[in-house]
Amino acid sequence: MDRAELAAFLRRRREQLRPEDVGVLPGARRRTAGLRREEVASLAGMSTDYYTRLEQRRGPQPSEQILTALARALRLTDDERDYLFEVAGRTAPSPAATAAHVAPALLRVLDRLSDTPALILSNLGEVLVRNRLAEALYGGPAEHTGLARSEIYRWFTDPRERLIYPEHDRDRQSRALVANLRAAHGSMGPNSRAGELVRALTRESEEFARLWERHEVAKRFEDHKVLVHPQLGEIEVDCQALFTEDQSQALLVLTAPPRTEAFEKLQLLAVLGNERFDEPVGPVRE
């Protein structure tokens, strides 16, 4: 581990970023060039003291999880991320593991979306990052591991995953997820994580096995959908997707036409964030 180079690299990358680059309000008085240490720490989900020690050459060797979080917080490119791992004395992520590294171009767009739900997904349905309104719509962050990191896997193995869609639309969503997975399986191959998902779901879900035999393929299946919030009820949204060049990640932006009931509900989400109401304020579907 090269402590001096790690510290210098982190400091330089922090100084080269601006608050607006990461969706942080710049504020009136800033004596620090670029981001503050506490802002980087917050974006990476670590304590300011821990991050400060890294920049001061006093910290312990960062784990791979810490380095991945720092690469995301500092908006590093793939080459910069690999360099960060190398100077920290860790092996750079393998191609199979790089899906967790969010494309900087998508992050820059997400950082500017504060008034509507937006999230970035891998091509296996793994939520890589989402904004505050997406958390308010879908629920707070959940720690999933292994195959359960994929919404496709959870959809066919955990009935709770389906509650966000009205019952009449769940068959369509099942087909969409299977079609998405087949597209990923075609590009990644049977020995990839996509293949692992297919094999596991074929064993564990008769519904999945039946739909897999339909051989439907689609990266995007439906651009208009209805989501069910536990208190606000049904919300009709348009879903727009922005893909990376290799199609491995997508930024999903959910919007509703102005002056509609759905638009008002999204605005209410913006006000309330992750709070929950004592009583429903809109129709709730069982």
C-alpha atoms as a PDB file:
ATOM      1  CA  MET A   1       0.000   0.000   0.000  1.00  0.00           C
ATOM      2  CA  ASP A   2       1.421   3.369  -1.055  1.00  0.00           C
ATOM      3  CA  ARG A   3       0.004   5.668   1.631  1.00  0.00           C
ATOM      4  CA  ALA A   4       1.547   8.834   0.193  1.00  0.00           C
ATOM      5  CA  GLU A   5       0.234   8.226  -3.320  1.00  0.00           C
ATOM      6  CA  LEU A   6      -3.185   7.148  -2.054  1.00  0.00           C
ATOM      7  CA  ALA A   7      -3.474  10.321   0.015  1.00  0.00           C
ATOM      8  CA  ALA A   8      -2.329  12.541  -2.852  1.00  0.00           C
ATOM      9  CA  PHE A   9      -4.656  10.875  -5.362  1.00  0.00           C
ATOM     10  CA  LEU A  10      -7.694  11.184  -3.094  1.00  0.00           C
ATOM     11  CA  ARG A  11      -6.931  14.822  -2.313  1.00  0.00           C
ATOM     12  CA  ARG A  12      -6.381  15.780  -5.954  1.00  0.00           C
ATOM     13  CA  ARG A  13      -9.558  14.084  -7.138  1.00  0.00           C
ATOM     14  CA  ARG A  14     -11.527  15.717  -4.322  1.00  0.00           C
ATOM     15  CA  GLU A  15     -10.170  19.145  -5.240  1.00  0.00           C
ATOM     16  CA  GLN A  16     -11.033  18.675  -8.908  1.00  0.00           C
ATOM     17  CA  LEU A  17     -14.717  18.061  -8.184  1.00  0.00           C
ATOM     18  CA  ARG A  18     -17.232  20.827  -7.606  1.00  0.00           C
ATOM     19  CA  PRO A  19     -20.319  20.589  -5.393  1.00  0.00           C
ATOM     20  CA  GLU A  20     -22.623  20.836  -8.397  1.00  0.00           C
ATOM     21  CA  ASP A  21     -20.798  17.861  -9.971  1.00  0.00           C
ATOM     22  CA  VAL A  22     -22.211  15.577  -7.276  1.00  0.00           C
ATOM     23  CA  GLY A  23     -25.549  17.262  -6.596  1.00  0.00           C
ATOM     24  CA  VAL A  24     -24.388  19.204  -3.520  1.00  0.00           C
ATOM     25  CA  LEU A  25     -25.518  22.804  -3.038  1.00  0.00           C
ATOM     26  CA  PRO A  26     -22.346  24.936  -3.166  1.00  0.00           C
ATOM     27  CA  GLY A  27     -23.299  27.334  -0.368  1.00  0.00           C
ATOM     28  CA  ALA A  28     -22.227  30.941   0.060  1.00  0.00           C
ATOM     29  CA  ARG A  29     -18.819  30.493   1.718  1.00  0.00           C
ATOM     30  CA  ARG A  30     -16.356  27.836   0.616  1.00  0.00           C
ATOM     31  CA  ARG A  31     -12.700  28.197   1.457  1.00  0.00           C
ATOM     32  CA  THR A  32     -11.852  24.692   0.236  1.00  0.00           C
ATOM     33  CA  ALA A  33     -11.165  24.031  -3.434  1.00  0.00           C
ATOM     34  CA  GLY A  34     -13.532  21.382  -4.725  1.00  0.00           C
ATOM     35  CA  LEU A  35     -15.413  19.187  -2.278  1.00  0.00           C
ATOM     36  CA  ARG A  36     -14.908  19.210   1.451  1.00  0.00           C
ATOM     37  CA  ARG A  37     -13.662  16.066   3.159  1.00  0.00           C
ATOM     38  CA  GLU A  38     -16.920  15.644   5.015  1.00  0.00           C
ATOM     39  CA  GLU A  39     -18.829  15.806   1.710  1.00  0.00           C
ATOM     40  CA  VAL A  40     -16.753  13.008   0.187  1.00  0.00           C
ATOM     41  CA  ALA A  41     -17.156  10.957   3.361  1.00  0.00           C
ATOM     42  CA  SER A  42     -20.916  11.434   3.282  1.00  0.00           C
ATOM     43  CA  LEU A  43     -21.147  10.460  -0.388  1.00  0.00           C
ATOM     44  CA  ALA A  44     -19.070   7.344   0.312  1.00  0.00           C
ATOM     45  CA  GLY A  45     -21.017   6.384   3.441  1.00  0.00           C
ATOM     46  CA  MET A  46     -18.081   6.572   5.852  1.00  0.00           C
ATOM     47  CA  SER A  47     -17.026   8.757   8.773  1.00  0.00           C
ATOM     48  CA  THR A  48     -15.241  12.033   8.111  1.00  0.00           C
ATOM     49  CA  ASP A  49     -12.529  10.966  10.559  1.00  0.00           C
ATOM     50  CA  TYR A  50     -11.819   7.772   8.580  1.00  0.00           C
ATOM     51  CA  TYR A  51     -11.602   9.622   5.277  1.00  0.00           C
ATOM     52  CA  THR A  52      -9.445  12.369   6.781  1.00  0.00           C
ATOM     53  CA  ARG A  53      -6.944   9.799   8.056  1.00  0.00           C
ATOM     54  CA  LEU A  54      -6.652   8.366   4.538  1.00  0.00           C
ATOM     55  CA  GLU A  55      -5.773  11.800   3.159  1.00  0.00           C
ATOM     56  CA  GLN A  56      -3.295  12.334   5.997  1.00  0.00           C
ATOM     57  CA  ARG A  57      -1.489   9.023   5.376  1.00  0.00           C
ATOM     58  CA  ARG A  58      -2.636   7.706   8.764  1.00  0.00           C
ATOM     59  CA  GLY A  59      -5.479   5.396   7.828  1.00  0.00           C
ATOM     60  CA  PRO A  60      -5.539   1.590   7.725  1.00  0.00           C
ATOM     61  CA  GLN A  61      -5.533  -0.230   4.418  1.00  0.00           C
ATOM     62  CA  PRO A  62      -8.996   0.369   2.934  1.00  0.00           C
ATOM     63  CA  SER A  63     -11.148  -2.645   2.157  1.00  0.00           C
ATOM     64  CA  GLU A  64     -12.417  -3.331  -1.356  1.00  0.00           C
ATOM     65  CA  GLN A  65     -15.864  -2.140  -0.245  1.00  0.00           C
ATOM     66  CA  ILE A  66     -14.418   1.166   0.971  1.00  0.00           C
ATOM     67  CA  LEU A  67     -12.475   1.662  -2.254  1.00  0.00           C
ATOM     68  CA  THR A  68     -15.561   0.942  -4.351  1.00  0.00           C
ATOM     69  CA  ALA A  69     -17.511   3.529  -2.339  1.00  0.00           C
ATOM     70  CA  LEU A  70     -14.732   6.107  -2.752  1.00  0.00           C
ATOM     71  CA  ALA A  71     -14.534   5.483  -6.500  1.00  0.00           C
ATOM     72  CA  ARG A  72     -18.248   6.160  -6.761  1.00  0.00           C
ATOM     73  CA  ALA A  73     -18.158   9.243  -4.515  1.00  0.00           C
ATOM     74  CA  LEU A  74     -15.258  10.771  -6.444  1.00  0.00           C
ATOM     75  CA  ARG A  75     -16.823   9.923  -9.837  1.00  0.00           C
ATOM     76  CA  LEU A  76     -13.752   7.984 -10.967  1.00  0.00           C
ATOM     77  CA  THR A  77     -13.470   6.486 -14.419  1.00  0.00           C
ATOM     78  CA  ASP A  78     -12.712   2.764 -14.756  1.00  0.00           C
ATOM     79  CA  ASP A  79      -8.984   3.484 -15.179  1.00  0.00           C
ATOM     80  CA  GLU A  80      -8.945   5.818 -12.186  1.00  0.00           C
ATOM     81  CA  ARG A  81     -10.816   3.249 -10.084  1.00  0.00           C
ATOM     82  CA  ASP A  82      -8.298   0.552 -10.960  1.00  0.00           C
ATOM     83  CA  TYR A  83      -5.450   2.905 -10.048  1.00  0.00           C
ATOM     84  CA  LEU A  84      -7.090   3.658  -6.696  1.00  0.00           C
ATOM     85  CA  PHE A  85      -7.199  -0.069  -5.940  1.00  0.00           C
ATOM     86  CA  GLU A  86      -3.567  -0.520  -6.975  1.00  0.00           C
ATOM     87  CA  VAL A  87      -2.101   2.257  -4.799  1.00  0.00           C
ATOM     88  CA  ALA A  88      -4.213   0.970  -1.895  1.00  0.00           C
ATOM     89  CA  GLY A  89      -2.589  -2.432  -2.277  1.00  0.00           C
ATOM     90  CA  ARG A  90      -5.715  -4.180  -3.514  1.00  0.00           C
ATOM     91  CA  THR A  91      -6.340  -6.117  -6.704  1.00  0.00           C
ATOM     92  CA  ALA A  92      -8.387  -4.129  -9.199  1.00  0.00           C
ATOM     93  CA  PRO A  93     -11.911  -5.506  -9.681  1.00  0.00           C
ATOM     94  CA  SER A  94     -12.311  -8.223 -12.283  1.00  0.00           C
ATOM     95  CA  PRO A  95     -14.585  -7.542 -15.278  1.00  0.00           C
ATOM     96  CA  ALA A  96     -17.291  -9.620 -13.606  1.00  0.00           C
ATOM     97  CA  ALA A  97     -17.184  -7.392 -10.529  1.00  0.00           C
ATOM     98  CA  THR A  98     -17.158  -4.016 -12.225  1.00  0.00           C
ATOM     99  CA  ALA A  99     -20.939  -3.842 -12.554  1.00  0.00           C
ATOM    100  CA  ALA A 100     -21.009  -2.270  -9.095  1.00  0.00           C
ATOM    101  CA  HIS A 101     -18.974   0.685 -10.383  1.00  0.00           C
ATOM    102  CA  VAL A 102     -21.511   3.203 -11.602  1.00  0.00           C
ATOM    103  CA  ALA A 103     -20.754   4.855 -14.920  1.00  0.00           C
ATOM    104  CA  PRO A 104     -19.654   8.445 -14.125  1.00  0.00           C
ATOM    105  CA  ALA A 105     -21.680   9.847 -17.031  1.00  0.00           C
ATOM    106  CA  LEU A 106     -24.900   8.400 -15.591  1.00  0.00           C
ATOM    107  CA  LEU A 107     -23.997   9.631 -12.106  1.00  0.00           C
ATOM    108  CA  ARG A 108     -23.548  13.169 -13.401  1.00  0.00           C
ATOM    109  CA  VAL A 109     -27.079  13.102 -14.781  1.00  0.00           C
ATOM    110  CA  LEU A 110     -28.506  11.514 -11.617  1.00  0.00           C
ATOM    111  CA  ASP A 111     -26.843  14.189  -9.473  1.00  0.00           C
ATOM    112  CA  ARG A 112     -28.939  16.829 -11.232  1.00  0.00           C
ATOM    113  CA  LEU A 113     -32.259  15.055 -10.768  1.00  0.00           C
ATOM    114  CA  SER A 114     -33.632  16.219  -7.439  1.00  0.00           C
ATOM    115  CA  ASP A 115     -37.312  16.743  -8.299  1.00  0.00           C
ATOM    116  CA  THR A 116     -38.287  13.308  -9.638  1.00  0.00           C
ATOM    117  CA  PRO A 117     -37.459   9.679  -8.782  1.00  0.00           C
ATOM    118  CA  ALA A 118     -34.397   8.328 -10.579  1.00  0.00           C
ATOM    119  CA  LEU A 119     -32.145   5.300 -10.144  1.00  0.00           C
ATOM    120  CA  ILE A 120     -29.311   3.490 -11.873  1.00  0.00           C
ATOM    121  CA  LEU A 121     -29.628  -0.257 -12.496  1.00  0.00           C
ATOM    122  CA  SER A 122     -27.266  -2.882 -13.820  1.00  0.00           C
ATOM    123  CA  ASN A 123     -28.450  -5.068 -16.683  1.00  0.00           C
ATOM    124  CA  LEU A 124     -29.220  -7.738 -14.059  1.00  0.00           C
ATOM    125  CA  GLY A 125     -31.661  -5.482 -12.224  1.00  0.00           C
ATOM    126  CA  GLU A 126     -29.301  -4.527  -9.395  1.00  0.00           C
ATOM    127  CA  VAL A 127     -29.915  -1.067  -7.948  1.00  0.00           C
ATOM    128  CA  LEU A 128     -26.504   0.617  -7.984  1.00  0.00           C
ATOM    129  CA  VAL A 129     -27.607   4.013  -6.721  1.00  0.00           C
ATOM    130  CA  ARG A 130     -30.849   6.002  -6.463  1.00  0.00           C
ATOM    131  CA  ASN A 131     -31.847   9.475  -5.405  1.00  0.00           C
ATOM    132  CA  ARG A 132     -33.903  10.505  -2.384  1.00  0.00           C
ATOM    133  CA  LEU A 133     -37.230  10.466  -4.214  1.00  0.00           C
ATOM    134  CA  ALA A 134     -36.631   6.962  -5.575  1.00  0.00           C
ATOM    135  CA  GLU A 135     -35.990   5.787  -2.023  1.00  0.00           C
ATOM    136  CA  ALA A 136     -39.209   7.482  -0.930  1.00  0.00           C
ATOM    137  CA  LEU A 137     -41.117   5.762  -3.729  1.00  0.00           C
ATOM    138  CA  TYR A 138     -39.593   2.296  -3.477  1.00  0.00           C
ATOM    139  CA  GLY A 139     -38.836   2.295   0.243  1.00  0.00           C
ATOM    140  CA  GLY A 140     -35.626   2.835   2.172  1.00  0.00           C
ATOM    141  CA  PRO A 141     -32.355   1.161   1.198  1.00  0.00           C
ATOM    142  CA  ALA A 142     -32.231  -2.581   1.822  1.00  0.00           C
ATOM    143  CA  GLU A 143     -29.061  -4.614   2.195  1.00  0.00           C
ATOM    144  CA  HIS A 144     -29.280  -7.480  -0.263  1.00  0.00           C
ATOM    145  CA  THR A 145     -26.442  -9.900  -0.933  1.00  0.00           C
ATOM    146  CA  GLY A 146     -25.704 -12.576  -3.487  1.00  0.00           C
ATOM    147  CA  LEU A 147     -28.359 -13.310  -6.070  1.00  0.00           C
ATOM    148  CA  ALA A 148     -30.907 -11.293  -4.049  1.00  0.00           C
ATOM    149  CA  ARG A 149     -29.160  -8.105  -5.161  1.00  0.00           C
ATOM    150  CA  SER A 150     -31.047  -8.577  -8.439  1.00  0.00           C
ATOM    151  CA  GLU A 151     -34.641  -7.379  -8.501  1.00  0.00           C
ATOM    152  CA  ILE A 152     -35.275 -10.138 -11.030  1.00  0.00           C
ATOM    153  CA  TYR A 153     -34.309 -12.806  -8.530  1.00  0.00           C
ATOM    154  CA  ARG A 154     -36.321 -11.201  -5.724  1.00  0.00           C
ATOM    155  CA  TRP A 155     -39.383 -10.812  -7.962  1.00  0.00           C
ATOM    156  CA  PHE A 156     -39.637 -14.576  -8.473  1.00  0.00           C
ATOM    157  CA  THR A 157     -38.594 -15.646  -4.961  1.00  0.00           C
ATOM    158  CA  ASP A 158     -39.999 -13.013  -2.571  1.00  0.00           C
ATOM    159  CA  PRO A 159     -43.747 -12.175  -2.822  1.00  0.00           C
ATOM    160  CA  ARG A 160     -43.185  -8.834  -1.070  1.00  0.00           C
ATOM    161  CA  GLU A 161     -41.255  -7.605  -4.092  1.00  0.00           C
ATOM    162  CA  ARG A 162     -44.490  -7.538  -6.115  1.00  0.00           C
ATOM    163  CA  LEU A 163     -46.452  -5.226  -3.830  1.00  0.00           C
ATOM    164  CA  ILE A 164     -45.230  -2.103  -5.632  1.00  0.00           C
ATOM    165  CA  TYR A 165     -47.155  -3.148  -8.766  1.00  0.00           C
ATOM    166  CA  PRO A 166     -50.953  -3.476  -8.985  1.00  0.00           C
ATOM    167  CA  GLU A 167     -52.047  -7.072  -9.151  1.00  0.00           C
ATOM    168  CA  HIS A 168     -53.363  -6.779 -12.709  1.00  0.00           C
ATOM    169  CA  ASP A 169     -49.931  -5.632 -13.952  1.00  0.00           C
ATOM    170  CA  ARG A 170     -47.740  -8.245 -12.296  1.00  0.00           C
ATOM    171  CA  ASP A 171     -47.876 -10.754 -15.161  1.00  0.00           C
ATOM    172  CA  ARG A 172     -46.604  -8.086 -17.549  1.00  0.00           C
ATOM    173  CA  GLN A 173     -43.798  -7.188 -15.157  1.00  0.00           C
ATOM    174  CA  SER A 174     -42.813 -10.854 -14.866  1.00  0.00           C
ATOM    175  CA  ARG A 175     -42.509 -11.098 -18.644  1.00  0.00           C
ATOM    176  CA  ALA A 176     -40.552  -7.842 -18.784  1.00  0.00           C
ATOM    177  CA  LEU A 177     -37.998  -8.975 -16.210  1.00  0.00           C
ATOM    178  CA  VAL A 178     -37.478 -12.322 -17.919  1.00  0.00           C
ATOM    179  CA  ALA A 179     -37.068 -10.583 -21.286  1.00  0.00           C
ATOM    180  CA  ASN A 180     -34.517  -8.210 -19.721  1.00  0.00           C
ATOM    181  CA  LEU A 181     -32.576 -11.130 -18.263  1.00  0.00           C
ATOM    182  CA  ARG A 182     -32.538 -12.975 -21.575  1.00  0.00           C
ATOM    183  CA  ALA A 183     -31.024  -9.897 -23.238  1.00  0.00           C
ATOM    184  CA  ALA A 184     -28.331  -9.762 -20.542  1.00  0.00           C
ATOM    185  CA  HIS A 185     -27.774 -13.522 -20.811  1.00  0.00           C
ATOM    186  CA  GLY A 186     -27.259 -13.209 -24.548  1.00  0.00           C
ATOM    187  CA  SER A 187     -24.534 -10.580 -24.164  1.00  0.00           C
ATOM    188  CA  MET A 188     -22.855 -11.976 -21.025  1.00  0.00           C
ATOM    189  CA  GLY A 189     -23.004 -15.698 -21.804  1.00  0.00           C
ATOM    190  CA  PRO A 190     -24.135 -18.797 -19.893  1.00  0.00           C
ATOM    191  CA  ASN A 191     -21.073 -18.847 -17.608  1.00  0.00           C
ATOM    192  CA  SER A 192     -21.674 -15.305 -16.381  1.00  0.00           C
ATOM    193  CA  ARG A 193     -23.649 -13.976 -13.424  1.00  0.00           C
ATOM    194  CA  ALA A 194     -26.622 -13.792 -15.800  1.00  0.00           C
ATOM    195  CA  GLY A 195     -26.299 -17.513 -16.400  1.00  0.00           C
ATOM    196  CA  GLU A 196     -26.096 -18.129 -12.660  1.00  0.00           C
ATOM    197  CA  LEU A 197     -29.336 -16.211 -12.201  1.00  0.00           C
ATOM    198  CA  VAL A 198     -31.091 -18.195 -14.916  1.00  0.00           C
ATOM    199  CA  ARG A 199     -30.027 -21.535 -13.454  1.00  0.00           C
ATOM    200  CA  ALA A 200     -31.066 -20.563  -9.929  1.00  0.00           C
ATOM    201  CA  LEU A 201     -34.444 -19.173 -10.962  1.00  0.00           C
ATOM    202  CA  THR A 202     -35.193 -22.159 -13.194  1.00  0.00           C
ATOM    203  CA  ARG A 203     -34.784 -24.364 -10.128  1.00  0.00           C
ATOM    204  CA  GLU A 204     -36.667 -22.133  -7.712  1.00  0.00           C
ATOM    205  CA  SER A 205     -39.575 -20.704  -9.739  1.00  0.00           C
ATOM    206  CA  GLU A 206     -41.960 -22.568 -12.001  1.00  0.00           C
ATOM    207  CA  GLU A 207     -43.272 -19.230 -13.271  1.00  0.00           C
ATOM    208  CA  PHE A 208     -39.785 -18.137 -14.316  1.00  0.00           C
ATOM    209  CA  ALA A 209     -39.056 -21.480 -16.002  1.00  0.00           C
ATOM    210  CA  ARG A 210     -42.286 -21.210 -17.985  1.00  0.00           C
ATOM    211  CA  LEU A 211     -41.600 -17.641 -19.091  1.00  0.00           C
ATOM    212  CA  TRP A 212     -37.974 -18.394 -19.944  1.00  0.00           C
ATOM    213  CA  GLU A 213     -39.196 -20.879 -22.531  1.00  0.00           C
ATOM    214  CA  ARG A 214     -41.044 -18.078 -24.352  1.00  0.00           C
ATOM    215  CA  HIS A 215     -37.669 -16.699 -25.531  1.00  0.00           C
ATOM    216  CA  GLU A 216     -38.800 -13.073 -25.306  1.00  0.00           C
ATOM    217  CA  VAL A 217     -35.959 -10.565 -25.472  1.00  0.00           C
ATOM    218  CA  ALA A 218     -36.140  -6.866 -24.576  1.00  0.00           C
ATOM    219  CA  LYS A 219     -33.960  -4.329 -22.803  1.00  0.00           C
ATOM    220  CA  ARG A 220     -37.007  -2.102 -22.330  1.00  0.00           C
ATOM    221  CA  PHE A 221     -40.480  -3.625 -22.167  1.00  0.00           C
ATOM    222  CA  GLU A 222     -42.838  -0.819 -21.146  1.00  0.00           C
ATOM    223  CA  ASP A 223     -42.305   2.937 -20.803  1.00  0.00           C
ATOM    224  CA  HIS A 224     -45.555   3.644 -18.948  1.00  0.00           C
ATOM    225  CA  LYS A 225     -46.413   1.915 -15.705  1.00  0.00           C
ATOM    226  CA  VAL A 226     -48.377   2.153 -12.483  1.00  0.00           C
ATOM    227  CA  LEU A 227     -46.568   1.891  -9.163  1.00  0.00           C
ATOM    228  CA  VAL A 228     -48.241   1.431  -5.790  1.00  0.00           C
ATOM    229  CA  HIS A 229     -47.036   3.452  -2.823  1.00  0.00           C
ATOM    230  CA  PRO A 230     -48.162   2.102   0.583  1.00  0.00           C
ATOM    231  CA  GLN A 231     -49.804   5.396   1.564  1.00  0.00           C
ATOM    232  CA  LEU A 232     -50.231   7.405  -1.651  1.00  0.00           C
ATOM    233  CA  GLY A 233     -51.756   4.547  -3.606  1.00  0.00           C
ATOM    234  CA  GLU A 234     -51.366   4.127  -7.364  1.00  0.00           C
ATOM    235  CA  ILE A 235     -49.027   6.517  -9.198  1.00  0.00           C
ATOM    236  CA  GLU A 236     -48.939   6.497 -13.005  1.00  0.00           C
ATOM    237  CA  VAL A 237     -45.466   7.310 -14.270  1.00  0.00           C
ATOM    238  CA  ASP A 238     -43.575   7.468 -17.537  1.00  0.00           C
ATOM    239  CA  CYS A 239     -40.229   5.699 -17.383  1.00  0.00           C
ATOM    240  CA  GLN A 240     -37.369   6.945 -19.551  1.00  0.00           C
ATOM    241  CA  ALA A 241     -34.090   5.027 -19.764  1.00  0.00           C
ATOM    242  CA  LEU A 242     -30.598   6.249 -20.596  1.00  0.00           C
ATOM    243  CA  PHE A 243     -28.143   3.398 -21.250  1.00  0.00           C
ATOM    244  CA  THR A 244     -24.371   3.306 -21.140  1.00  0.00           C
ATOM    245  CA  GLU A 245     -22.652   2.584 -24.436  1.00  0.00           C
ATOM    246  CA  ASP A 246     -22.184  -1.105 -23.577  1.00  0.00           C
ATOM    247  CA  GLN A 247     -25.802  -1.389 -22.350  1.00  0.00           C
ATOM    248  CA  SER A 248     -24.608  -2.750 -18.980  1.00  0.00           C
ATOM    249  CA  GLN A 249     -26.220   0.029 -16.912  1.00  0.00           C
ATOM    250  CA  ALA A 250     -29.286   2.222 -17.289  1.00  0.00           C
ATOM    251  CA  LEU A 251     -30.470   5.409 -15.642  1.00  0.00           C
ATOM    252  CA  LEU A 252     -34.241   5.235 -15.133  1.00  0.00           C
ATOM    253  CA  VAL A 253     -36.134   8.498 -14.669  1.00  0.00           C
ATOM    254  CA  LEU A 254     -39.767   8.391 -13.539  1.00  0.00           C
ATOM    255  CA  THR A 255     -41.962  11.380 -14.361  1.00  0.00           C
ATOM    256  CA  ALA A 256     -45.614  12.332 -14.594  1.00  0.00           C
ATOM    257  CA  PRO A 257     -47.315  15.003 -16.735  1.00  0.00           C
ATOM    258  CA  PRO A 258     -47.752  18.375 -14.972  1.00  0.00           C
ATOM    259  CA  ARG A 259     -51.098  19.159 -13.334  1.00  0.00           C
ATOM    260  CA  THR A 260     -52.039  15.476 -12.997  1.00  0.00           C
ATOM    261  CA  GLU A 261     -52.816  13.513  -9.855  1.00  0.00           C
ATOM    262  CA  ALA A 262     -49.649  11.487 -10.337  1.00  0.00           C
ATOM    263  CA  PHE A 263     -47.559  14.666 -10.621  1.00  0.00           C
ATOM    264  CA  GLU A 264     -49.015  15.938  -7.355  1.00  0.00           C
ATOM    265  CA  LYS A 265     -48.199  12.643  -5.640  1.00  0.00           C
ATOM    266  CA  LEU A 266     -44.588  12.839  -6.805  1.00  0.00           C
ATOM    267  CA  GLN A 267     -44.418  16.369  -5.447  1.00  0.00           C
ATOM    268  CA  LEU A 268     -45.750  15.080  -2.143  1.00  0.00           C
ATOM    269  CA  LEU A 269     -42.963  12.511  -2.117  1.00  0.00           C
ATOM    270  CA  ALA A 270     -40.496  15.360  -2.581  1.00  0.00           C
ATOM    271  CA  VAL A 271     -41.866  17.081   0.507  1.00  0.00           C
ATOM    272  CA  LEU A 272     -42.146  14.018   2.713  1.00  0.00           C
ATOM    273  CA  GLY A 273     -39.118  12.025   1.627  1.00  0.00           C
ATOM    274  CA  ASN A 274     -38.945   8.697   3.425  1.00  0.00           C
ATOM    275  CA  GLU A 275     -41.531   9.637   6.057  1.00  0.00           C
ATOM    276  CA  ARG A 276     -44.584   7.432   6.379  1.00  0.00           C
ATOM    277  CA  PHE A 277     -48.111   8.584   7.108  1.00  0.00           C
ATOM    278  CA  ASP A 278     -50.216   7.295   9.974  1.00  0.00           C
ATOM    279  CA  GLU A 279     -53.205   7.081   7.643  1.00  0.00           C
ATOM    280  CA  PRO A 280     -53.350   6.520   3.881  1.00  0.00           C
ATOM    281  CA  VAL A 281     -53.801   9.706   1.884  1.00  0.00           C
ATOM    282  CA  GLY A 282     -54.787   8.013  -1.336  1.00  0.00           C
ATOM    283  CA  PRO A 283     -56.328   4.796  -2.610  1.00  0.00           C
ATOM    284  CA  VAL A 284     -54.309   1.773  -1.580  1.00  0.00           C
ATOM    285  CA  ARG A 285     -54.511  -1.495  -3.502  1.00  0.00           C
ATOM    286  CA  GLU A 286     -54.134  -4.713  -1.611  1.00  0.00           C
END
